[in-house]
C-alpha atoms as a PDB file:
ATOM      1  CA  UNK A   1       6.573  11.404   5.014  1.00  0.00           C
ATOM      2  CA  UNK A   2       3.530   9.379   3.996  1.00  0.00           C
ATOM      3  CA  UNK A   3       3.314  10.903   0.835  1.00  0.00           C
ATOM      4  CA  UNK A   4       6.205   9.745  -0.353  1.00  0.00           C
ATOM      5  CA  UNK A   5       5.013   6.099   1.183  1.00  0.00           C
ATOM      6  CA  UNK A   6       2.038   6.397  -0.972  1.00  0.00           C
ATOM      7  CA  UNK A   7       3.820   7.776  -4.229  1.00  0.00           C
ATOM      8  CA  UNK A   8       6.298   4.514  -3.122  1.00  0.00           C
ATOM      9  CA  UNK A   9       3.495   2.172  -3.231  1.00  0.00           C
ATOM     10  CA  UNK A  10       1.433   3.147  -6.633  1.00  0.00           C
ATOM     11  CA  UNK A  11       5.397   3.096  -8.457  1.00  0.00           C
ATOM     12  CA  UNK A  12       5.262  -0.582  -7.120  1.00  0.00           C
ATOM     13  CA  UNK A  13       1.838  -1.289  -8.624  1.00  0.00           C
ATOM     14  CA  UNK A  14       2.028  -0.039 -11.576  1.00  0.00           C
ATOM     15  CA  UNK A  15       5.903  -2.232 -12.142  1.00  0.00           C
ATOM     16  CA  UNK A  16       2.926  -4.870 -10.993  1.00  0.00           C
ATOM     17  CA  UNK A  17       0.700  -4.504 -13.860  1.00  0.00           C
ATOM     18  CA  UNK A  18       3.367  -4.443 -16.056  1.00  0.00           C
ATOM     19  CA  UNK A  19       4.886  -7.698 -15.449  1.00  0.00           C
ATOM     20  CA  UNK A  20       0.841  -8.724 -14.981  1.00  0.00           C
ATOM     21  CA  UNK A  21       0.016  -7.278 -18.586  1.00  0.00           C
ATOM     22  CA  UNK A  22       3.274  -9.497 -19.480  1.00  0.00           C
ATOM     23  CA  UNK A  23       2.379 -12.302 -18.716  1.00  0.00           C
ATOM     24  CA  UNK A  24      -1.055 -12.013 -19.858  1.00  0.00           C
ATOM     25  CA  UNK A  25      -0.164 -11.726 -23.367  1.00  0.00           C
ATOM     26  CA  UNK A  26       2.230 -14.212 -22.817  1.00  0.00           C
ATOM     27  CA  UNK A  27      -0.485 -16.291 -21.837  1.00  0.00           C
ATOM     28  CA  UNK A  28       2.016 -17.169 -18.682  1.00  0.00           C
ATOM     29  CA  UNK A  29      -0.803 -18.616 -16.091  1.00  0.00           C
ATOM     30  CA  UNK A  30       2.148 -19.764 -13.325  1.00  0.00           C
ATOM     31  CA  UNK A  31       3.095 -16.315 -13.344  1.00  0.00           C
ATOM     32  CA  UNK A  32      -0.799 -14.626 -13.737  1.00  0.00           C
ATOM     33  CA  UNK A  33      -1.442 -16.485 -10.264  1.00  0.00           C
ATOM     34  CA  UNK A  34       1.833 -15.909  -8.481  1.00  0.00           C
ATOM     35  CA  UNK A  35       1.395 -12.323  -9.547  1.00  0.00           C
ATOM     36  CA  UNK A  36      -2.352 -12.037  -8.504  1.00  0.00           C
ATOM     37  CA  UNK A  37      -1.380 -12.254  -5.029  1.00  0.00           C
ATOM     38  CA  UNK A  38       1.182  -9.347  -5.101  1.00  0.00           C
ATOM     39  CA  UNK A  39      -1.735  -7.727  -7.084  1.00  0.00           C
ATOM     40  CA  UNK A  40      -4.136  -7.959  -3.647  1.00  0.00           C
ATOM     41  CA  UNK A  41      -0.946  -7.324  -1.577  1.00  0.00           C
ATOM     42  CA  UNK A  42      -0.447  -3.695  -3.427  1.00  0.00           C
ATOM     43  CA  UNK A  43      -4.494  -3.580  -3.144  1.00  0.00           C
ATOM     44  CA  UNK A  44      -3.934  -3.348   0.655  1.00  0.00           C
ATOM     45  CA  UNK A  45      -0.597  -1.204   1.011  1.00  0.00           C
ATOM     46  CA  UNK A  46      -2.430   1.507  -1.287  1.00  0.00           C
ATOM     47  CA  UNK A  47      -5.323   1.570   1.450  1.00  0.00           C
ATOM     48  CA  UNK A  48      -3.122   1.661   4.363  1.00  0.00           C
ATOM     49  CA  UNK A  49      -1.142   4.547   2.680  1.00  0.00           C
ATOM     50  CA  UNK A  50      -3.645   6.848   1.703  1.00  0.00           C
ATOM     51  CA  UNK A  51      -4.986   5.625   4.661  1.00  0.00           C
ATOM     52  CA  UNK A  52      -3.345   7.192   7.054  1.00  0.00           C
ATOM     53  CA  UNK A  53      -2.395  10.256   5.169  1.00  0.00           C
ATOM     54  CA  UNK A  54      -6.251  11.066   5.241  1.00  0.00           C
ATOM     55  CA  UNK A  55      -6.137  10.910   8.883  1.00  0.00           C
ATOM     56  CA  UNK A  56      -2.660  12.721   9.383  1.00  0.00           C
ATOM     57  CA  UNK A  57      -4.036  15.274   7.251  1.00  0.00           C
ATOM     58  CA  UNK A  58      -6.784  15.412   9.051  1.00  0.00           C
ATOM     59  CA  UNK A  59      -4.954  15.659  12.602  1.00  0.00           C
ATOM     60  CA  UNK A  60      -2.699  18.669  10.748  1.00  0.00           C
ATOM     61  CA  UNK A  61      -0.348  19.814  13.645  1.00  0.00           C
ATOM     62  CA  UNK A  62      -3.045  18.692  16.559  1.00  0.00           C
ATOM     63  CA  UNK A  63      -0.019  17.403  19.128  1.00  0.00           C
ATOM     64  CA  UNK A  64      -3.522  15.358  20.444  1.00  0.00           C
ATOM     65  CA  UNK A  65      -4.590  14.272  17.711  1.00  0.00           C
ATOM     66  CA  UNK A  66      -1.830  13.290  16.220  1.00  0.00           C
ATOM     67  CA  UNK A  67      -0.596  11.564  19.629  1.00  0.00           C
ATOM     68  CA  UNK A  68      -3.803   9.089  18.817  1.00  0.00           C
ATOM     69  CA  UNK A  69      -3.267   8.037  15.688  1.00  0.00           C
ATOM     70  CA  UNK A  70       0.505   7.218  17.323  1.00  0.00           C
ATOM     71  CA  UNK A  71      -1.606   5.143  19.503  1.00  0.00           C
ATOM     72  CA  UNK A  72      -3.759   3.590  16.905  1.00  0.00           C
ATOM     73  CA  UNK A  73      -1.560   2.569  14.566  1.00  0.00           C
ATOM     74  CA  UNK A  74       1.131   1.298  17.662  1.00  0.00           C
ATOM     75  CA  UNK A  75      -1.483  -1.605  17.696  1.00  0.00           C
ATOM     76  CA  UNK A  76      -1.754  -2.623  14.074  1.00  0.00           C
ATOM     77  CA  UNK A  77      -0.761  -6.220  13.508  1.00  0.00           C
ATOM     78  CA  UNK A  78       2.191  -5.607  10.665  1.00  0.00           C
ATOM     79  CA  UNK A  79       3.119  -8.296   8.617  1.00  0.00           C
ATOM     80  CA  UNK A  80       7.186  -9.315   8.450  1.00  0.00           C
ATOM     81  CA  UNK A  81       8.055  -9.835   4.986  1.00  0.00           C
END
């Protein structure tokens, strides 16, 4: 499942990158400032998805390791967007 999450985040990053390229080409500075926020958010989203995927791959099918990951992720604060 997290492989699909990472793939989706990478797709969103590509979309934002295209918008930013267009804003730069059109010298639309206001849009560039707005899009920079999304760029920063996507860096964080891809990082999170990559880290979780790495933990899950490392854990494999170990029930104890998966339980530890579940507890660790349960402690994270997620922003409501």
